[in-house]
């Protein structure tokens, strides 16, 4: 796996001929989880409907892998989250003001990496820790402060990236103290909830718009010391690509306002619980907002 330093070095360094010369096709990428894949499908289909030629490279991997891919010109755009960009890519302090975070990451990405942020969606897919109602009741567990103290009695199910991210376990320990779990097991991103629901874990890392949170009636613990900033998704696009395809911005900006937290949670549930194809869910969303 490519390291964070290598990934960001690729972004900051001189680009190759392939990375600097856009092709006749826009390549839309995504990270390796349901919502990122779905957002990328929405972007790709909207651009096609507007008459542009589009290919996709979905399920690439972590934030660092997606950033490295866009730096090398292997993709032209992908969905990123403001909070992830602030904490994980830029290593800046957390903030709770969504507009300030957006301006900060948009300015920094353009200056440092030659990447443009389009309009953010109103939804907020914040990080979270989830547990079942039974476990929350048993331990009278409602906040991350409580979890920080109870952690030695509990087992955490998470993904490998959470153990190293600034807004992951290191951030929790820095902000809250504690969080010395009895056991930590890492899983593929789609399996961490299975561990929680089958009794192999007591708490699991989560995102607030995950479909499983709604369908399984999970409890999201309150981030009472405000570690996590707003995580609003937006298309991040290479400047060279935007110059070659100027209709990207108005096309994608026109649909962003319809991507609400409630809509995203319902769409994620269709994919995760009902096993719908992300392509079909994206098509249904676009047909609903622009029939």
Protein backbone atom coordinates (compact mmCIF):
# COMPACT_ATOMS: atom_id res chain seq x y z
CA UNK A 1 0.00 0.00 0.00
CA UNK A 2 1.31 3.45 -0.88
CA UNK A 3 2.33 5.52 2.13
CA UNK A 4 0.77 8.86 2.98
CA UNK A 5 4.10 10.64 2.47
CA UNK A 6 4.55 9.06 -0.96
CA UNK A 7 0.98 9.88 -1.95
CA UNK A 8 1.20 13.53 -1.02
CA UNK A 9 4.68 13.79 -2.49
CA UNK A 10 3.25 12.70 -5.81
CA UNK A 11 0.68 15.46 -5.57
CA UNK A 12 3.19 18.12 -4.74
CA UNK A 13 5.77 17.07 -7.31
CA UNK A 14 5.96 17.75 -11.02
CA UNK A 15 3.31 15.85 -12.96
CA UNK A 16 4.01 13.47 -15.78
CA UNK A 17 2.81 13.99 -19.35
CA UNK A 18 -0.11 11.64 -18.67
CA UNK A 19 -1.07 13.52 -15.53
CA UNK A 20 -0.89 16.95 -17.15
CA UNK A 21 -2.66 16.16 -20.43
CA UNK A 22 -6.36 15.30 -20.03
CA UNK A 23 -7.75 12.68 -22.38
CA UNK A 24 -11.03 12.91 -24.28
CA UNK A 25 -12.71 10.93 -21.48
CA UNK A 26 -13.29 12.04 -17.89
CA UNK A 27 -12.22 9.36 -15.42
CA UNK A 28 -14.25 9.35 -12.20
CA UNK A 29 -12.77 7.50 -9.24
CA UNK A 30 -13.89 6.55 -5.75
CA UNK A 31 -12.59 5.22 -2.46
CA UNK A 32 -13.41 1.73 -1.25
CA UNK A 33 -16.70 2.12 0.60
CA UNK A 34 -20.36 2.13 -0.39
CA UNK A 35 -21.05 5.84 -0.18
CA UNK A 36 -17.94 6.90 -2.10
CA UNK A 37 -18.75 4.41 -4.86
CA UNK A 38 -22.35 5.67 -4.97
CA UNK A 39 -21.32 9.33 -5.14
CA UNK A 40 -18.87 8.55 -7.93
CA UNK A 41 -21.66 6.76 -9.84
CA UNK A 42 -23.92 9.78 -9.39
CA UNK A 43 -21.19 12.10 -10.69
CA UNK A 44 -20.38 9.85 -13.65
CA UNK A 45 -23.99 9.41 -14.73
CA UNK A 46 -24.76 13.13 -14.39
CA UNK A 47 -21.78 13.98 -16.59
CA UNK A 48 -22.85 11.42 -19.19
CA UNK A 49 -26.38 12.84 -19.22
CA UNK A 50 -24.80 16.23 -19.94
CA UNK A 51 -23.09 14.77 -23.01
CA UNK A 52 -19.60 14.09 -21.70
CA UNK A 53 -17.68 10.87 -22.23
CA UNK A 54 -16.97 9.24 -18.86
CA UNK A 55 -15.25 6.13 -17.55
CA UNK A 56 -15.03 5.02 -13.93
CA UNK A 57 -12.35 3.58 -11.67
CA UNK A 58 -14.21 2.70 -8.51
CA UNK A 59 -13.22 1.09 -5.21
CA UNK A 60 -9.62 2.33 -5.41
CA UNK A 61 -8.84 2.18 -1.70
CA UNK A 62 -8.11 4.67 1.07
CA UNK A 63 -7.90 8.47 0.96
CA UNK A 64 -4.17 8.29 0.32
CA UNK A 65 -4.62 5.94 -2.63
CA UNK A 66 -7.33 8.13 -4.17
CA UNK A 67 -5.16 11.22 -3.76
CA UNK A 68 -2.19 9.47 -5.33
CA UNK A 69 -4.36 8.35 -8.26
CA UNK A 70 -5.61 11.87 -8.98
CA UNK A 71 -2.06 13.21 -8.67
CA UNK A 72 -0.83 10.77 -11.32
CA UNK A 73 -3.73 11.57 -13.65
CA UNK A 74 -5.13 8.07 -13.32
CA UNK A 75 -8.45 9.68 -12.35
CA UNK A 76 -9.76 13.17 -13.03
CA UNK A 77 -12.14 13.59 -10.12
CA UNK A 78 -13.49 11.77 -7.09
CA UNK A 79 -15.72 12.51 -4.08
CA UNK A 80 -13.87 13.76 -1.01
CA UNK A 81 -15.08 14.91 2.40
CA UNK A 82 -14.26 18.28 3.91
CA UNK A 83 -13.43 16.86 7.34
CA UNK A 84 -11.18 14.16 5.88
CA UNK A 85 -9.34 16.72 3.77
CA UNK A 86 -8.86 19.01 6.76
CA UNK A 87 -7.60 16.45 9.26
CA UNK A 88 -6.14 13.58 7.24
CA UNK A 89 -4.71 15.27 4.14
CA UNK A 90 -3.84 18.75 5.39
CA UNK A 91 -3.19 17.85 9.04
CA UNK A 92 -4.95 20.99 10.23
CA UNK A 93 -6.83 21.42 13.52
CA UNK A 94 -10.48 20.44 13.68
CA UNK A 95 -13.19 23.06 13.39
CA UNK A 96 -16.96 22.84 13.78
CA UNK A 97 -17.79 25.52 11.19
CA UNK A 98 -18.68 23.83 7.90
CA UNK A 99 -18.24 26.95 5.74
CA UNK A 100 -14.81 27.75 7.21
CA UNK A 101 -13.63 24.18 6.71
CA UNK A 102 -14.77 24.21 3.09
CA UNK A 103 -12.95 27.47 2.33
CA UNK A 104 -9.81 26.20 4.05
CA UNK A 105 -9.62 22.91 2.17
CA UNK A 106 -10.65 24.44 -1.17
CA UNK A 107 -7.93 27.09 -0.96
CA UNK A 108 -5.25 24.65 0.20
CA UNK A 109 -6.05 21.96 -2.39
CA UNK A 110 -5.90 24.50 -5.23
CA UNK A 111 -2.64 26.04 -4.02
CA UNK A 112 -0.81 22.86 -3.01
CA UNK A 113 -2.18 20.24 -5.34
CA UNK A 114 -3.86 21.93 -8.31
CA UNK A 115 -7.20 20.40 -7.34
CA UNK A 116 -10.52 22.23 -7.38
CA UNK A 117 -13.39 21.65 -4.95
CA UNK A 118 -16.87 22.01 -6.41
CA UNK A 119 -19.94 22.79 -4.31
CA UNK A 120 -20.36 20.56 -1.24
CA UNK A 121 -23.52 18.56 -0.59
CA UNK A 122 -25.60 19.58 2.44
CA UNK A 123 -25.28 16.08 3.92
CA UNK A 124 -22.86 15.40 6.76
CA UNK A 125 -21.31 11.94 6.93
CA UNK A 126 -19.47 12.41 10.18
CA UNK A 127 -17.36 9.72 11.77
CA UNK A 128 -18.86 7.99 14.78
CA UNK A 129 -18.67 5.07 17.15
CA UNK A 130 -21.73 2.82 17.09
CA UNK A 131 -23.05 0.21 19.44
CA UNK A 132 -26.24 -1.78 19.88
CA UNK A 133 -29.12 -0.62 22.05
CA UNK A 134 -28.52 -3.62 24.33
CA UNK A 135 -24.88 -2.73 25.00
CA UNK A 136 -25.65 0.99 25.39
CA UNK A 137 -28.29 0.13 28.00
CA UNK A 138 -26.10 -2.41 29.78
CA UNK A 139 -23.24 0.07 30.25
CA UNK A 140 -25.35 3.26 30.37
CA UNK A 141 -23.20 4.32 27.41
CA UNK A 142 -24.10 7.47 25.51
CA UNK A 143 -20.95 9.57 24.90
CA UNK A 144 -17.38 9.19 23.72
CA UNK A 145 -16.19 10.46 27.10
CA UNK A 146 -17.90 7.49 28.73
CA UNK A 147 -16.47 5.14 26.12
CA UNK A 148 -12.95 6.43 26.73
CA UNK A 149 -13.23 5.22 30.33
CA UNK A 150 -15.12 1.98 29.60
CA UNK A 151 -12.82 0.93 26.73
CA UNK A 152 -10.76 -1.58 28.80
CA UNK A 153 -13.95 -3.63 29.17
CA UNK A 154 -14.98 -3.47 25.51
CA UNK A 155 -13.97 -4.80 22.09
CA UNK A 156 -13.68 -2.50 19.06
CA UNK A 157 -14.36 -3.50 15.45
CA UNK A 158 -12.86 -1.10 12.93
CA UNK A 159 -10.99 -0.76 9.65
CA UNK A 160 -7.18 -0.58 9.43
CA UNK A 161 -7.17 3.08 8.35
CA UNK A 162 -8.91 4.15 11.59
CA UNK A 163 -5.91 3.05 13.65
CA UNK A 164 -3.60 5.63 12.06
CA UNK A 165 -5.78 8.51 10.85
CA UNK A 166 -5.59 11.83 12.71
CA UNK A 167 -9.37 11.69 13.04
CA UNK A 168 -9.26 8.03 14.05
CA UNK A 169 -8.01 6.30 17.19
CA UNK A 170 -4.98 8.62 17.64
CA UNK A 171 -7.31 11.61 17.58
CA UNK A 172 -9.69 10.03 20.08
CA UNK A 173 -6.85 9.30 22.49
CA UNK A 174 -5.45 12.80 22.14
CA UNK A 175 -8.79 14.56 22.63
CA UNK A 176 -10.41 12.27 25.22
CA UNK A 177 -7.61 10.25 26.78
CA UNK A 178 -8.18 6.57 27.50
CA UNK A 179 -9.56 4.46 24.64
CA UNK A 180 -7.36 1.52 25.63
CA UNK A 181 -9.72 -1.15 24.34
CA UNK A 182 -9.77 -4.68 25.70
CA UNK A 183 -9.41 -5.86 22.11
CA UNK A 184 -9.20 -4.24 18.68
CA UNK A 185 -9.93 -6.22 15.56
CA UNK A 186 -9.76 -4.83 12.03
CA UNK A 187 -12.10 -5.86 9.23
CA UNK A 188 -12.86 -5.06 5.64
CA UNK A 189 -15.06 -2.01 5.63
CA UNK A 190 -18.27 -3.96 4.95
CA UNK A 191 -17.72 -6.48 7.76
CA UNK A 192 -17.23 -4.34 10.87
CA UNK A 193 -20.97 -4.11 11.47
CA UNK A 194 -21.27 -7.89 11.14
CA UNK A 195 -18.78 -8.23 14.00
CA UNK A 196 -20.87 -5.89 16.15
CA UNK A 197 -24.21 -7.49 15.31
CA UNK A 198 -22.97 -11.07 15.81
CA UNK A 199 -21.46 -10.34 19.23
CA UNK A 200 -17.80 -10.41 18.20
CA UNK A 201 -17.42 -6.73 19.13
CA UNK A 202 -19.08 -4.31 21.53
CA UNK A 203 -18.55 -1.10 19.57
CA UNK A 204 -17.67 -0.37 15.96
CA UNK A 205 -16.47 2.61 13.98
CA UNK A 206 -19.23 4.06 11.83
CA UNK A 207 -20.32 6.87 9.57
CA UNK A 208 -23.53 8.70 10.33
CA UNK A 209 -25.05 8.03 6.89
CA UNK A 210 -24.34 4.29 6.84
CA UNK A 211 -27.48 2.40 5.95
CA UNK A 212 -26.84 -0.21 8.63
CA UNK A 213 -27.10 2.44 11.35
CA UNK A 214 -30.72 3.03 10.39
CA UNK A 215 -31.79 -0.50 9.49
CA UNK A 216 -30.27 -2.08 12.62
CA UNK A 217 -31.26 0.81 14.93
CA UNK A 218 -27.71 1.30 16.17
CA UNK A 219 -26.77 3.91 18.76
CA UNK A 220 -24.24 6.55 17.72
CA UNK A 221 -22.26 7.82 20.70
CA UNK A 222 -22.19 11.59 21.17
CA UNK A 223 -18.90 13.27 20.30
CA UNK A 224 -19.19 15.45 23.40
CA UNK A 225 -15.69 16.96 23.08
CA UNK A 226 -16.13 17.72 19.37
CA UNK A 227 -13.24 15.80 17.82
CA UNK A 228 -14.95 15.30 14.50
CA UNK A 229 -15.69 18.23 12.18
CA UNK A 230 -18.44 18.25 9.53
CA UNK A 231 -17.74 15.80 6.70
CA UNK A 232 -19.51 17.22 3.65
CA UNK A 233 -18.75 15.50 0.33
CA UNK A 234 -17.89 17.35 -2.87
CA UNK A 235 -16.29 16.50 -6.21
CA UNK A 236 -12.56 17.22 -6.27
CA UNK A 237 -11.34 17.85 -9.83
CA UNK A 238 -7.94 18.33 -11.46
CA UNK A 239 -7.49 21.87 -12.80
CA UNK A 240 -6.36 20.59 -16.20
CA UNK A 241 -9.51 18.49 -16.46
CA UNK A 242 -11.71 21.44 -15.56
CA UNK A 243 -10.11 23.54 -18.28
CA UNK A 244 -10.68 20.79 -20.82
CA UNK A 245 -14.26 20.12 -19.69
CA UNK A 246 -15.67 23.38 -18.26
CA UNK A 247 -19.21 21.93 -18.06
CA UNK A 248 -18.13 19.64 -15.20
CA UNK A 249 -18.66 22.36 -12.60
CA UNK A 250 -22.20 23.52 -13.50
CA UNK A 251 -23.31 19.94 -14.13
CA UNK A 252 -22.21 18.59 -10.76
CA UNK A 253 -22.99 21.73 -8.78
CA UNK A 254 -26.59 21.48 -10.00
CA UNK A 255 -27.13 18.12 -8.27
CA UNK A 256 -25.19 18.61 -5.04
CA UNK A 257 -27.98 20.39 -3.14
CA UNK A 258 -30.19 17.29 -3.50
CA UNK A 259 -27.68 15.01 -1.75
CA UNK A 260 -29.04 15.27 1.79
CA UNK A 261 -28.16 13.20 4.84
CA UNK A 262 -31.57 11.50 4.82
CA UNK A 263 -31.40 10.66 1.11
CA UNK A 264 -27.87 9.30 1.43
CA UNK A 265 -28.73 7.10 4.39
CA UNK A 266 -31.68 5.65 2.47
CA UNK A 267 -29.57 5.04 -0.65
CA UNK A 268 -26.79 3.41 1.37
CA UNK A 269 -29.38 1.14 2.99
CA UNK A 270 -30.65 0.04 -0.42
CA UNK A 271 -27.13 -1.02 -1.37
CA UNK A 272 -26.00 -2.50 1.96
CA UNK A 273 -29.25 -4.15 3.12
CA UNK A 274 -31.21 -4.74 -0.08
CA UNK A 275 -28.10 -5.50 -2.19
CA UNK A 276 -29.06 -3.02 -4.91
CA UNK A 277 -26.41 -2.12 -7.48
CA UNK A 278 -24.87 1.34 -6.86
CA UNK A 279 -25.30 2.08 -10.57
CA UNK A 280 -29.05 1.51 -10.31
CA UNK A 281 -29.37 3.50 -7.08
CA UNK A 282 -27.51 6.44 -8.66
CA UNK A 283 -29.74 6.30 -11.73
CA UNK A 284 -32.88 6.31 -9.58
CA UNK A 285 -31.60 9.32 -7.61
CA UNK A 286 -30.89 11.32 -10.77
CA UNK A 287 -34.28 10.41 -12.24
CA UNK A 288 -35.96 11.57 -9.02
CA UNK A 289 -34.29 14.98 -8.86
CA UNK A 290 -34.38 15.67 -12.61
CA UNK A 291 -37.10 13.52 -14.22
